[in-house]
């Protein structure tokens, strides 16, 4: 009901609408209207009230709810069903639980804050309230489980393209799916899958973008390797526009991938934005640490590295952490 009242206020384009008119249209009491208006104000909506003229919407908060994102969406199905939280432990954890039941393809779980955000290899992901885009896209593609992890390539390219187009920032990709700018991490992507034999039950793709984070938000431990869009550009970014752009860019690549069953149609674009190809890198696993030159990325999404002895080694993303020799990358 609160969203319906908000829709009434938005439809009047800054003009006042009486509480009596809202109550009549929605079939609720004027007292109920007032209570919902109070709740909207507590969420950050600037609503002016006047005894004679009624309620007027003066400003919208920078939140990522369905009603706020809808005007920015250009997608067919990704983000057309949004599950929004003011705060949650992890959008991906919630998405995985929800995915055990039937769900709408392209559902996006999004939050203004995560208290238990996760990155690759079990690392903690700082998800400051109101300063980033913390979302998980839920999918159930009709592909073989073997091909599922390749969607990490599509997600990384989508995020890089969205940041470039929406923020005019030269975002690059650190294989497999970190987005970097100025040599620091800007965005992380985590893909998880549940499958049986040759059937995928679901794939969830968690995307965390440091949109308007300050240096102080990262803490001493990661401040040397992390950055945000606002730090790099010197100005705040519209989280709504950027989130919607990521959804659009991903949907375009996802449709190509599902149609062709391959990443080859956009692999060259991915490689053109790579920050590792041609560079000496360290490959860090639980068992060893080796160095080599990143030579290529295969159609399987694997990193091809030339080792010191001249041999080529193909690396799967789950095996290692990749670092530059003289910094993050």
C-alpha atoms as a PDB file:
ATOM      1  CA  UNK A   1       0.000   0.000   0.000  1.00  0.00           C
ATOM      2  CA  UNK A   2       2.870   2.351   0.769  1.00  0.00           C
ATOM      3  CA  UNK A   3       4.156   1.961  -2.784  1.00  0.00           C
ATOM      4  CA  UNK A   4       0.718   2.734  -4.159  1.00  0.00           C
ATOM      5  CA  UNK A   5       0.604   5.962  -2.161  1.00  0.00           C
ATOM      6  CA  UNK A   6       4.070   6.817  -3.429  1.00  0.00           C
ATOM      7  CA  UNK A   7       2.903   6.167  -6.982  1.00  0.00           C
ATOM      8  CA  UNK A   8       0.036   8.613  -6.409  1.00  0.00           C
ATOM      9  CA  UNK A   9       2.458  11.287  -5.231  1.00  0.00           C
ATOM     10  CA  UNK A  10       4.883  10.671  -8.105  1.00  0.00           C
ATOM     11  CA  UNK A  11       2.053  10.750 -10.657  1.00  0.00           C
ATOM     12  CA  UNK A  12       1.189  14.290  -9.607  1.00  0.00           C
ATOM     13  CA  UNK A  13       4.674  15.567 -10.571  1.00  0.00           C
ATOM     14  CA  UNK A  14       5.277  17.793  -7.550  1.00  0.00           C
ATOM     15  CA  UNK A  15       1.683  18.948  -7.259  1.00  0.00           C
ATOM     16  CA  UNK A  16      -0.188  18.475  -3.993  1.00  0.00           C
ATOM     17  CA  UNK A  17      -2.760  15.697  -3.715  1.00  0.00           C
ATOM     18  CA  UNK A  18      -5.212  15.589  -0.844  1.00  0.00           C
ATOM     19  CA  UNK A  19      -5.267  12.825   1.712  1.00  0.00           C
ATOM     20  CA  UNK A  20      -8.980  12.463   1.056  1.00  0.00           C
ATOM     21  CA  UNK A  21      -8.372  11.843  -2.644  1.00  0.00           C
ATOM     22  CA  UNK A  22      -5.679   9.259  -1.921  1.00  0.00           C
ATOM     23  CA  UNK A  23      -7.860   7.470   0.615  1.00  0.00           C
ATOM     24  CA  UNK A  24     -10.772   7.391  -1.849  1.00  0.00           C
ATOM     25  CA  UNK A  25      -8.665   6.042  -4.726  1.00  0.00           C
ATOM     26  CA  UNK A  26      -6.996   3.356  -2.637  1.00  0.00           C
ATOM     27  CA  UNK A  27      -9.922   2.470  -0.424  1.00  0.00           C
ATOM     28  CA  UNK A  28      -8.183   3.141   2.888  1.00  0.00           C
ATOM     29  CA  UNK A  29      -8.761   5.624   5.699  1.00  0.00           C
ATOM     30  CA  UNK A  30      -7.110   9.044   5.826  1.00  0.00           C
ATOM     31  CA  UNK A  31      -5.441   7.944   9.056  1.00  0.00           C
ATOM     32  CA  UNK A  32      -3.886   5.021   7.190  1.00  0.00           C
ATOM     33  CA  UNK A  33      -2.712   7.418   4.486  1.00  0.00           C
ATOM     34  CA  UNK A  34      -1.052   9.593   7.132  1.00  0.00           C
ATOM     35  CA  UNK A  35       0.704   6.588   8.706  1.00  0.00           C
ATOM     36  CA  UNK A  36       2.085   5.488   5.334  1.00  0.00           C
ATOM     37  CA  UNK A  37       3.208   9.049   4.572  1.00  0.00           C
ATOM     38  CA  UNK A  38       5.049   9.103   7.904  1.00  0.00           C
ATOM     39  CA  UNK A  39       6.770   5.835   7.039  1.00  0.00           C
ATOM     40  CA  UNK A  40       7.802   7.189   3.622  1.00  0.00           C
ATOM     41  CA  UNK A  41       9.301  10.236   5.316  1.00  0.00           C
ATOM     42  CA  UNK A  42      11.292   7.980   7.634  1.00  0.00           C
ATOM     43  CA  UNK A  43      12.688   6.240   4.521  1.00  0.00           C
ATOM     44  CA  UNK A  44      13.984   9.561   3.212  1.00  0.00           C
ATOM     45  CA  UNK A  45      11.171  10.833   0.996  1.00  0.00           C
ATOM     46  CA  UNK A  46      10.676  14.590   1.304  1.00  0.00           C
ATOM     47  CA  UNK A  47       6.922  15.059   1.514  1.00  0.00           C
ATOM     48  CA  UNK A  48       5.337  18.416   2.268  1.00  0.00           C
ATOM     49  CA  UNK A  49       1.924  18.442   3.924  1.00  0.00           C
ATOM     50  CA  UNK A  50      -0.598  21.263   3.963  1.00  0.00           C
ATOM     51  CA  UNK A  51      -3.997  21.247   5.629  1.00  0.00           C
ATOM     52  CA  UNK A  52      -5.654  22.866   2.619  1.00  0.00           C
ATOM     53  CA  UNK A  53      -3.869  21.281  -0.344  1.00  0.00           C
ATOM     54  CA  UNK A  54      -2.664  17.881   0.911  1.00  0.00           C
ATOM     55  CA  UNK A  55       0.638  16.078   0.302  1.00  0.00           C
ATOM     56  CA  UNK A  56       3.362  17.023  -2.170  1.00  0.00           C
ATOM     57  CA  UNK A  57       6.447  14.954  -3.005  1.00  0.00           C
ATOM     58  CA  UNK A  58       9.502  17.231  -3.050  1.00  0.00           C
ATOM     59  CA  UNK A  59      12.361  14.739  -3.278  1.00  0.00           C
ATOM     60  CA  UNK A  60      13.259  11.065  -3.528  1.00  0.00           C
ATOM     61  CA  UNK A  61      15.927   9.301  -1.456  1.00  0.00           C
ATOM     62  CA  UNK A  62      18.858   7.527  -3.080  1.00  0.00           C
ATOM     63  CA  UNK A  63      17.590   4.019  -2.389  1.00  0.00           C
ATOM     64  CA  UNK A  64      17.414   1.009  -4.691  1.00  0.00           C
ATOM     65  CA  UNK A  65      13.839  -0.132  -4.183  1.00  0.00           C
ATOM     66  CA  UNK A  66      11.727  -1.384  -7.076  1.00  0.00           C
ATOM     67  CA  UNK A  67       9.719   1.817  -7.403  1.00  0.00           C
ATOM     68  CA  UNK A  68      12.884   3.935  -7.503  1.00  0.00           C
ATOM     69  CA  UNK A  69      14.713   1.718  -9.996  1.00  0.00           C
ATOM     70  CA  UNK A  70      11.814   1.187 -12.395  1.00  0.00           C
ATOM     71  CA  UNK A  71      12.199   4.493 -14.303  1.00  0.00           C
ATOM     72  CA  UNK A  72      15.827   3.609 -15.067  1.00  0.00           C
ATOM     73  CA  UNK A  73      15.283   0.036 -16.284  1.00  0.00           C
ATOM     74  CA  UNK A  74      15.669  -0.827 -19.972  1.00  0.00           C
ATOM     75  CA  UNK A  75      15.587  -4.598 -19.561  1.00  0.00           C
ATOM     76  CA  UNK A  76      13.188  -7.259 -20.729  1.00  0.00           C
ATOM     77  CA  UNK A  77      13.415  -9.534 -17.688  1.00  0.00           C
ATOM     78  CA  UNK A  78      16.496  -8.833 -15.535  1.00  0.00           C
ATOM     79  CA  UNK A  79      15.398  -6.661 -12.622  1.00  0.00           C
ATOM     80  CA  UNK A  80      11.722  -6.748 -13.556  1.00  0.00           C
ATOM     81  CA  UNK A  81      11.179  -8.503 -10.243  1.00  0.00           C
ATOM     82  CA  UNK A  82      13.190  -6.811  -7.490  1.00  0.00           C
ATOM     83  CA  UNK A  83      13.464  -7.960  -3.886  1.00  0.00           C
ATOM     84  CA  UNK A  84      14.716  -4.963  -1.921  1.00  0.00           C
ATOM     85  CA  UNK A  85      16.146  -4.799   1.579  1.00  0.00           C
ATOM     86  CA  UNK A  86      17.213  -1.774   3.563  1.00  0.00           C
ATOM     87  CA  UNK A  87      19.727  -4.067   5.284  1.00  0.00           C
ATOM     88  CA  UNK A  88      20.488  -7.783   4.997  1.00  0.00           C
ATOM     89  CA  UNK A  89      23.372 -10.092   5.832  1.00  0.00           C
ATOM     90  CA  UNK A  90      24.002 -11.051   2.192  1.00  0.00           C
ATOM     91  CA  UNK A  91      21.906 -10.701  -0.968  1.00  0.00           C
ATOM     92  CA  UNK A  92      23.507 -13.863  -2.337  1.00  0.00           C
ATOM     93  CA  UNK A  93      22.740 -15.900   0.776  1.00  0.00           C
ATOM     94  CA  UNK A  94      19.114 -14.797   0.566  1.00  0.00           C
ATOM     95  CA  UNK A  95      18.975 -15.466  -3.191  1.00  0.00           C
ATOM     96  CA  UNK A  96      20.273 -19.019  -2.744  1.00  0.00           C
ATOM     97  CA  UNK A  97      17.604 -19.775  -0.158  1.00  0.00           C
ATOM     98  CA  UNK A  98      14.873 -18.300  -2.324  1.00  0.00           C
ATOM     99  CA  UNK A  99      16.174 -20.137  -5.399  1.00  0.00           C
ATOM    100  CA  UNK A 100      15.328 -23.482  -3.798  1.00  0.00           C
ATOM    101  CA  UNK A 101      11.712 -22.670  -4.673  1.00  0.00           C
ATOM    102  CA  UNK A 102      10.311 -21.478  -7.984  1.00  0.00           C
ATOM    103  CA  UNK A 103      11.416 -17.974  -8.927  1.00  0.00           C
ATOM    104  CA  UNK A 104      11.120 -15.565 -11.820  1.00  0.00           C
ATOM    105  CA  UNK A 105      14.082 -15.576 -14.214  1.00  0.00           C
ATOM    106  CA  UNK A 106      16.128 -12.422 -13.781  1.00  0.00           C
ATOM    107  CA  UNK A 107      14.933 -11.670 -10.251  1.00  0.00           C
ATOM    108  CA  UNK A 108      17.329  -9.246  -8.567  1.00  0.00           C
ATOM    109  CA  UNK A 109      17.901  -9.175  -4.810  1.00  0.00           C
ATOM    110  CA  UNK A 110      19.313  -5.778  -3.860  1.00  0.00           C
ATOM    111  CA  UNK A 111      20.108  -4.045  -0.592  1.00  0.00           C
ATOM    112  CA  UNK A 112      21.286  -0.679   0.654  1.00  0.00           C
ATOM    113  CA  UNK A 113      23.513  -2.459   3.167  1.00  0.00           C
ATOM    114  CA  UNK A 114      25.017  -5.901   3.710  1.00  0.00           C
ATOM    115  CA  UNK A 115      26.223  -6.908   7.137  1.00  0.00           C
ATOM    116  CA  UNK A 116      27.819 -10.146   5.929  1.00  0.00           C
ATOM    117  CA  UNK A 117      28.799  -9.523   2.333  1.00  0.00           C
ATOM    118  CA  UNK A 118      31.110 -12.145   0.805  1.00  0.00           C
ATOM    119  CA  UNK A 119      33.789 -11.997  -1.862  1.00  0.00           C
ATOM    120  CA  UNK A 120      35.804 -14.688  -3.631  1.00  0.00           C
ATOM    121  CA  UNK A 121      37.580 -17.344  -1.579  1.00  0.00           C
ATOM    122  CA  UNK A 122      35.426 -16.553   1.469  1.00  0.00           C
ATOM    123  CA  UNK A 123      36.699 -13.018   1.948  1.00  0.00           C
ATOM    124  CA  UNK A 124      34.566 -10.386   3.689  1.00  0.00           C
ATOM    125  CA  UNK A 125      33.105  -7.690   1.429  1.00  0.00           C
ATOM    126  CA  UNK A 126      32.614  -4.223   2.931  1.00  0.00           C
ATOM    127  CA  UNK A 127      29.071  -3.119   2.034  1.00  0.00           C
ATOM    128  CA  UNK A 128      28.516   0.311   3.568  1.00  0.00           C
ATOM    129  CA  UNK A 129      24.921   1.497   3.830  1.00  0.00           C
ATOM    130  CA  UNK A 130      23.755   3.738   1.006  1.00  0.00           C
ATOM    131  CA  UNK A 131      27.157   3.933  -0.684  1.00  0.00           C
ATOM    132  CA  UNK A 132      27.300   0.940  -2.991  1.00  0.00           C
ATOM    133  CA  UNK A 133      25.354  -1.407  -5.212  1.00  0.00           C
ATOM    134  CA  UNK A 134      24.972  -4.749  -3.481  1.00  0.00           C
ATOM    135  CA  UNK A 135      22.860  -7.058  -5.627  1.00  0.00           C
ATOM    136  CA  UNK A 136      22.423 -10.643  -6.770  1.00  0.00           C
ATOM    137  CA  UNK A 137      20.909 -11.718 -10.087  1.00  0.00           C
ATOM    138  CA  UNK A 138      18.963 -14.993 -10.016  1.00  0.00           C
ATOM    139  CA  UNK A 139      18.980 -17.190 -13.133  1.00  0.00           C
ATOM    140  CA  UNK A 140      17.888 -20.647 -14.258  1.00  0.00           C
ATOM    141  CA  UNK A 141      19.456 -21.072 -17.707  1.00  0.00           C
ATOM    142  CA  UNK A 142      18.831 -24.120 -19.881  1.00  0.00           C
ATOM    143  CA  UNK A 143      22.516 -24.958 -20.287  1.00  0.00           C
ATOM    144  CA  UNK A 144      24.841 -27.687 -19.102  1.00  0.00           C
ATOM    145  CA  UNK A 145      26.348 -27.242 -15.619  1.00  0.00           C
ATOM    146  CA  UNK A 146      29.805 -27.286 -17.222  1.00  0.00           C
ATOM    147  CA  UNK A 147      28.987 -24.015 -18.983  1.00  0.00           C
ATOM    148  CA  UNK A 148      27.560 -22.215 -15.949  1.00  0.00           C
ATOM    149  CA  UNK A 149      30.822 -20.694 -14.639  1.00  0.00           C
ATOM    150  CA  UNK A 150      31.365 -18.980 -17.997  1.00  0.00           C
ATOM    151  CA  UNK A 151      28.677 -16.505 -17.006  1.00  0.00           C
ATOM    152  CA  UNK A 152      31.280 -14.905 -14.738  1.00  0.00           C
ATOM    153  CA  UNK A 153      32.874 -13.546 -17.925  1.00  0.00           C
ATOM    154  CA  UNK A 154      29.552 -12.048 -19.018  1.00  0.00           C
ATOM    155  CA  UNK A 155      28.934 -10.520 -15.592  1.00  0.00           C
ATOM    156  CA  UNK A 156      32.392  -8.939 -15.420  1.00  0.00           C
ATOM    157  CA  UNK A 157      32.111  -7.477 -18.910  1.00  0.00           C
ATOM    158  CA  UNK A 158      28.619  -6.167 -18.131  1.00  0.00           C
ATOM    159  CA  UNK A 159      29.844  -4.415 -14.989  1.00  0.00           C
ATOM    160  CA  UNK A 160      32.846  -2.902 -16.770  1.00  0.00           C
ATOM    161  CA  UNK A 161      30.706  -1.680 -19.668  1.00  0.00           C
ATOM    162  CA  UNK A 162      28.093  -0.210 -17.325  1.00  0.00           C
ATOM    163  CA  UNK A 163      30.693   1.672 -15.282  1.00  0.00           C
ATOM    164  CA  UNK A 164      32.321   2.992 -18.443  1.00  0.00           C
ATOM    165  CA  UNK A 165      29.046   4.087 -20.037  1.00  0.00           C
ATOM    166  CA  UNK A 166      27.298   5.392 -16.934  1.00  0.00           C
ATOM    167  CA  UNK A 167      30.235   6.935 -15.080  1.00  0.00           C
ATOM    168  CA  UNK A 168      32.743   7.762 -17.837  1.00  0.00           C
ATOM    169  CA  UNK A 169      35.355   5.815 -15.913  1.00  0.00           C
ATOM    170  CA  UNK A 170      37.910   3.558 -17.603  1.00  0.00           C
ATOM    171  CA  UNK A 171      37.025   0.383 -15.731  1.00  0.00           C
ATOM    172  CA  UNK A 172      39.156  -2.681 -16.515  1.00  0.00           C
ATOM    173  CA  UNK A 173      38.784  -6.379 -15.708  1.00  0.00           C
ATOM    174  CA  UNK A 174      41.199  -8.323 -13.530  1.00  0.00           C
ATOM    175  CA  UNK A 175      40.592 -11.943 -14.444  1.00  0.00           C
ATOM    176  CA  UNK A 176      38.302 -13.556 -13.741  1.00  0.00           C
ATOM    177  CA  UNK A 177      35.755 -11.026 -12.570  1.00  0.00           C
ATOM    178  CA  UNK A 178      37.143  -8.164 -10.499  1.00  0.00           C
ATOM    179  CA  UNK A 179      36.659  -4.675 -11.904  1.00  0.00           C
ATOM    180  CA  UNK A 180      39.508  -2.260 -11.276  1.00  0.00           C
ATOM    181  CA  UNK A 181      40.231   1.427 -11.808  1.00  0.00           C
ATOM    182  CA  UNK A 182      43.442   3.258 -11.047  1.00  0.00           C
ATOM    183  CA  UNK A 183      45.039  -0.054 -10.091  1.00  0.00           C
ATOM    184  CA  UNK A 184      42.527  -0.690  -7.302  1.00  0.00           C
ATOM    185  CA  UNK A 185      39.468  -2.908  -6.933  1.00  0.00           C
ATOM    186  CA  UNK A 186      36.184  -1.203  -7.740  1.00  0.00           C
ATOM    187  CA  UNK A 187      33.771  -4.114  -8.064  1.00  0.00           C
ATOM    188  CA  UNK A 188      33.685  -7.796  -7.164  1.00  0.00           C
ATOM    189  CA  UNK A 189      31.560 -10.557  -8.646  1.00  0.00           C
ATOM    190  CA  UNK A 190      30.759 -13.951  -7.151  1.00  0.00           C
ATOM    191  CA  UNK A 191      28.935 -16.665  -9.095  1.00  0.00           C
ATOM    192  CA  UNK A 192      27.426 -19.716  -7.399  1.00  0.00           C
ATOM    193  CA  UNK A 193      25.494 -22.588  -8.911  1.00  0.00           C
ATOM    194  CA  UNK A 194      23.344 -25.517  -7.853  1.00  0.00           C
ATOM    195  CA  UNK A 195      23.044 -28.388 -10.314  1.00  0.00           C
ATOM    196  CA  UNK A 196      22.161 -32.050 -10.579  1.00  0.00           C
ATOM    197  CA  UNK A 197      23.758 -34.275 -13.235  1.00  0.00           C
ATOM    198  CA  UNK A 198      23.149 -32.366 -16.470  1.00  0.00           C
ATOM    199  CA  UNK A 199      20.544 -29.894 -15.131  1.00  0.00           C
ATOM    200  CA  UNK A 200      21.144 -26.508 -13.532  1.00  0.00           C
ATOM    201  CA  UNK A 201      18.754 -25.738 -10.693  1.00  0.00           C
ATOM    202  CA  UNK A 202      19.871 -22.134 -10.396  1.00  0.00           C
ATOM    203  CA  UNK A 203      22.763 -19.735 -10.815  1.00  0.00           C
ATOM    204  CA  UNK A 204      23.135 -16.649  -8.639  1.00  0.00           C
ATOM    205  CA  UNK A 205      25.533 -13.851  -9.544  1.00  0.00           C
ATOM    206  CA  UNK A 206      26.455 -11.495  -6.731  1.00  0.00           C
ATOM    207  CA  UNK A 207      27.732  -8.088  -7.824  1.00  0.00           C
ATOM    208  CA  UNK A 208      29.166  -5.559  -5.393  1.00  0.00           C
ATOM    209  CA  UNK A 209      30.120  -2.122  -6.731  1.00  0.00           C
ATOM    210  CA  UNK A 210      31.811   0.517  -4.605  1.00  0.00           C
ATOM    211  CA  UNK A 211      29.796   3.437  -5.944  1.00  0.00           C
ATOM    212  CA  UNK A 212      30.126   6.336  -3.491  1.00  0.00           C
ATOM    213  CA  UNK A 213      32.439   4.853  -0.877  1.00  0.00           C
ATOM    214  CA  UNK A 214      35.029   7.073   0.825  1.00  0.00           C
ATOM    215  CA  UNK A 215      38.536   5.959   1.714  1.00  0.00           C
ATOM    216  CA  UNK A 216      37.537   5.819   5.375  1.00  0.00           C
ATOM    217  CA  UNK A 217      34.788   3.298   4.554  1.00  0.00           C
ATOM    218  CA  UNK A 218      37.290   0.626   3.526  1.00  0.00           C
ATOM    219  CA  UNK A 219      39.365   0.494   6.661  1.00  0.00           C
ATOM    220  CA  UNK A 220      43.132   0.278   6.926  1.00  0.00           C
ATOM    221  CA  UNK A 221      43.348  -3.352   5.831  1.00  0.00           C
ATOM    222  CA  UNK A 222      41.992  -2.891   2.292  1.00  0.00           C
ATOM    223  CA  UNK A 223      42.259   0.867   1.665  1.00  0.00           C
ATOM    224  CA  UNK A 224      45.450   0.333  -0.342  1.00  0.00           C
ATOM    225  CA  UNK A 225      43.722  -2.022  -2.808  1.00  0.00           C
ATOM    226  CA  UNK A 226      40.128  -0.738  -2.906  1.00  0.00           C
ATOM    227  CA  UNK A 227      38.544   2.284  -4.543  1.00  0.00           C
ATOM    228  CA  UNK A 228      35.133   3.573  -5.611  1.00  0.00           C
ATOM    229  CA  UNK A 229      33.557   5.311  -8.575  1.00  0.00           C
ATOM    230  CA  UNK A 230      33.284   8.589  -6.673  1.00  0.00           C
ATOM    231  CA  UNK A 231      36.916   8.442  -5.529  1.00  0.00           C
ATOM    232  CA  UNK A 232      38.117   7.869  -9.092  1.00  0.00           C
ATOM    233  CA  UNK A 233      35.839  10.423 -10.799  1.00  0.00           C
ATOM    234  CA  UNK A 234      35.723  13.012  -8.024  1.00  0.00           C
ATOM    235  CA  UNK A 235      31.938  13.136  -8.014  1.00  0.00           C
ATOM    236  CA  UNK A 236      29.051  11.011  -6.748  1.00  0.00           C
ATOM    237  CA  UNK A 237      27.330   8.569  -9.068  1.00  0.00           C
ATOM    238  CA  UNK A 238      23.616   7.811  -9.294  1.00  0.00           C
ATOM    239  CA  UNK A 239      23.346   4.338  -7.823  1.00  0.00           C
ATOM    240  CA  UNK A 240      19.984   3.867  -9.522  1.00  0.00           C
ATOM    241  CA  UNK A 241      21.334   4.665 -12.977  1.00  0.00           C
ATOM    242  CA  UNK A 242      24.413   2.484 -12.480  1.00  0.00           C
ATOM    243  CA  UNK A 243      22.497  -0.501 -11.082  1.00  0.00           C
ATOM    244  CA  UNK A 244      20.023  -0.332 -13.974  1.00  0.00           C
ATOM    245  CA  UNK A 245      22.885  -0.067 -16.463  1.00  0.00           C
ATOM    246  CA  UNK A 246      24.549  -3.207 -15.067  1.00  0.00           C
ATOM    247  CA  UNK A 247      21.262  -5.102 -15.401  1.00  0.00           C
ATOM    248  CA  UNK A 248      20.845  -3.949 -19.005  1.00  0.00           C
ATOM    249  CA  UNK A 249      24.407  -4.766 -20.044  1.00  0.00           C
ATOM    250  CA  UNK A 250      24.235  -8.180 -18.399  1.00  0.00           C
ATOM    251  CA  UNK A 251      20.906  -9.068 -20.013  1.00  0.00           C
ATOM    252  CA  UNK A 252      22.295  -8.325 -23.485  1.00  0.00           C
ATOM    253  CA  UNK A 253      25.296 -10.608 -22.946  1.00  0.00           C
ATOM    254  CA  UNK A 254      23.215 -13.275 -21.213  1.00  0.00           C
ATOM    255  CA  UNK A 255      20.849 -13.513 -24.171  1.00  0.00           C
ATOM    256  CA  UNK A 256      23.788 -13.905 -26.567  1.00  0.00           C
ATOM    257  CA  UNK A 257      25.328 -16.569 -24.343  1.00  0.00           C
ATOM    258  CA  UNK A 258      22.108 -18.563 -24.021  1.00  0.00           C
ATOM    259  CA  UNK A 259      21.426 -18.323 -27.755  1.00  0.00           C
ATOM    260  CA  UNK A 260      24.904 -19.460 -28.818  1.00  0.00           C
ATOM    261  CA  UNK A 261      25.985 -21.474 -25.789  1.00  0.00           C
ATOM    262  CA  UNK A 262      29.347 -19.750 -25.832  1.00  0.00           C
ATOM    263  CA  UNK A 263      31.200 -16.629 -24.692  1.00  0.00           C
ATOM    264  CA  UNK A 264      33.146 -16.383 -27.957  1.00  0.00           C
ATOM    265  CA  UNK A 265      30.938 -13.586 -29.343  1.00  0.00           C
ATOM    266  CA  UNK A 266      31.990 -11.215 -26.568  1.00  0.00           C
ATOM    267  CA  UNK A 267      35.299 -12.745 -25.468  1.00  0.00           C
ATOM    268  CA  UNK A 268      37.377 -10.293 -27.521  1.00  0.00           C
ATOM    269  CA  UNK A 269      35.554  -7.374 -25.905  1.00  0.00           C
ATOM    270  CA  UNK A 270      36.309  -8.890 -22.505  1.00  0.00           C
ATOM    271  CA  UNK A 271      39.982  -9.358 -23.386  1.00  0.00           C
ATOM    272  CA  UNK A 272      40.250  -5.784 -24.686  1.00  0.00           C
ATOM    273  CA  UNK A 273      39.368  -4.575 -21.199  1.00  0.00           C
ATOM    274  CA  UNK A 274      41.675  -7.006 -19.395  1.00  0.00           C
ATOM    275  CA  UNK A 275      44.228  -5.539 -17.025  1.00  0.00           C
ATOM    276  CA  UNK A 276      46.229  -8.780 -16.736  1.00  0.00           C
ATOM    277  CA  UNK A 277      46.930  -9.876 -20.316  1.00  0.00           C
ATOM    278  CA  UNK A 278      50.533  -9.338 -21.291  1.00  0.00           C
ATOM    279  CA  UNK A 279      51.615  -8.766 -17.703  1.00  0.00           C
ATOM    280  CA  UNK A 280      53.618 -10.797 -15.238  1.00  0.00           C
ATOM    281  CA  UNK A 281      51.343 -12.159 -12.535  1.00  0.00           C
ATOM    282  CA  UNK A 282      51.517 -14.218  -9.384  1.00  0.00           C
ATOM    283  CA  UNK A 283      49.197 -17.206  -9.119  1.00  0.00           C
ATOM    284  CA  UNK A 284      48.489 -17.969  -5.478  1.00  0.00           C
ATOM    285  CA  UNK A 285      46.778 -21.205  -4.451  1.00  0.00           C
ATOM    286  CA  UNK A 286      46.634 -23.175  -1.219  1.00  0.00           C
ATOM    287  CA  UNK A 287      49.422 -25.443  -2.444  1.00  0.00           C
ATOM    288  CA  UNK A 288      51.781 -23.145  -4.308  1.00  0.00           C
ATOM    289  CA  UNK A 289      52.661 -19.710  -5.634  1.00  0.00           C
ATOM    290  CA  UNK A 290      54.008 -19.372  -9.153  1.00  0.00           C
ATOM    291  CA  UNK A 291      54.694 -16.536 -11.540  1.00  0.00           C
ATOM    292  CA  UNK A 292      54.164 -16.236 -15.253  1.00  0.00           C
ATOM    293  CA  UNK A 293      52.990 -14.036 -18.105  1.00  0.00           C
ATOM    294  CA  UNK A 294      49.217 -13.881 -18.686  1.00  0.00           C
ATOM    295  CA  UNK A 295      48.957 -14.702 -22.380  1.00  0.00           C
ATOM    296  CA  UNK A 296      45.300 -15.315 -23.185  1.00  0.00           C
ATOM    297  CA  UNK A 297      41.801 -16.144 -21.950  1.00  0.00           C
ATOM    298  CA  UNK A 298      40.266 -19.258 -23.458  1.00  0.00           C
ATOM    299  CA  UNK A 299      36.695 -19.800 -24.642  1.00  0.00           C
ATOM    300  CA  UNK A 300      36.197 -21.733 -21.412  1.00  0.00           C
ATOM    301  CA  UNK A 301      37.014 -18.553 -19.483  1.00  0.00           C
ATOM    302  CA  UNK A 302      40.332 -19.922 -18.252  1.00  0.00           C
ATOM    303  CA  UNK A 303      43.506 -17.851 -17.946  1.00  0.00           C
ATOM    304  CA  UNK A 304      46.402 -19.075 -20.100  1.00  0.00           C
ATOM    305  CA  UNK A 305      49.768 -18.346 -18.472  1.00  0.00           C
ATOM    306  CA  UNK A 306      53.289 -18.829 -19.842  1.00  0.00           C
ATOM    307  CA  UNK A 307      55.532 -20.119 -17.045  1.00  0.00           C
ATOM    308  CA  UNK A 308      59.257 -19.491 -16.614  1.00  0.00           C
ATOM    309  CA  UNK A 309      60.137 -22.750 -18.411  1.00  0.00           C
ATOM    310  CA  UNK A 310      58.159 -21.640 -21.479  1.00  0.00           C
ATOM    311  CA  UNK A 311      55.252 -24.021 -20.943  1.00  0.00           C
ATOM    312  CA  UNK A 312      51.643 -22.879 -21.034  1.00  0.00           C
ATOM    313  CA  UNK A 313      49.302 -23.538 -18.154  1.00  0.00           C
ATOM    314  CA  UNK A 314      45.536 -23.073 -18.248  1.00  0.00           C
ATOM    315  CA  UNK A 315      44.127 -21.823 -14.956  1.00  0.00           C
ATOM    316  CA  UNK A 316      40.546 -22.225 -13.772  1.00  0.00           C
ATOM    317  CA  UNK A 317      39.174 -19.297 -11.781  1.00  0.00           C
ATOM    318  CA  UNK A 318      38.432 -21.364  -8.681  1.00  0.00           C
ATOM    319  CA  UNK A 319      42.024 -22.509  -8.360  1.00  0.00           C
ATOM    320  CA  UNK A 320      43.963 -19.350  -7.609  1.00  0.00           C
ATOM    321  CA  UNK A 321      44.108 -15.741  -6.589  1.00  0.00           C
ATOM    322  CA  UNK A 322      45.808 -13.552  -9.179  1.00  0.00           C
ATOM    323  CA  UNK A 323      48.009 -10.624  -8.192  1.00  0.00           C
ATOM    324  CA  UNK A 324      50.292  -8.274 -10.065  1.00  0.00           C
ATOM    325  CA  UNK A 325      53.986  -8.396  -9.298  1.00  0.00           C
ATOM    326  CA  UNK A 326      54.067  -4.806  -8.078  1.00  0.00           C
ATOM    327  CA  UNK A 327      50.649  -4.187  -6.578  1.00  0.00           C
ATOM    328  CA  UNK A 328      47.041  -5.301  -6.872  1.00  0.00           C
ATOM    329  CA  UNK A 329      47.378  -5.525 -10.666  1.00  0.00           C
END
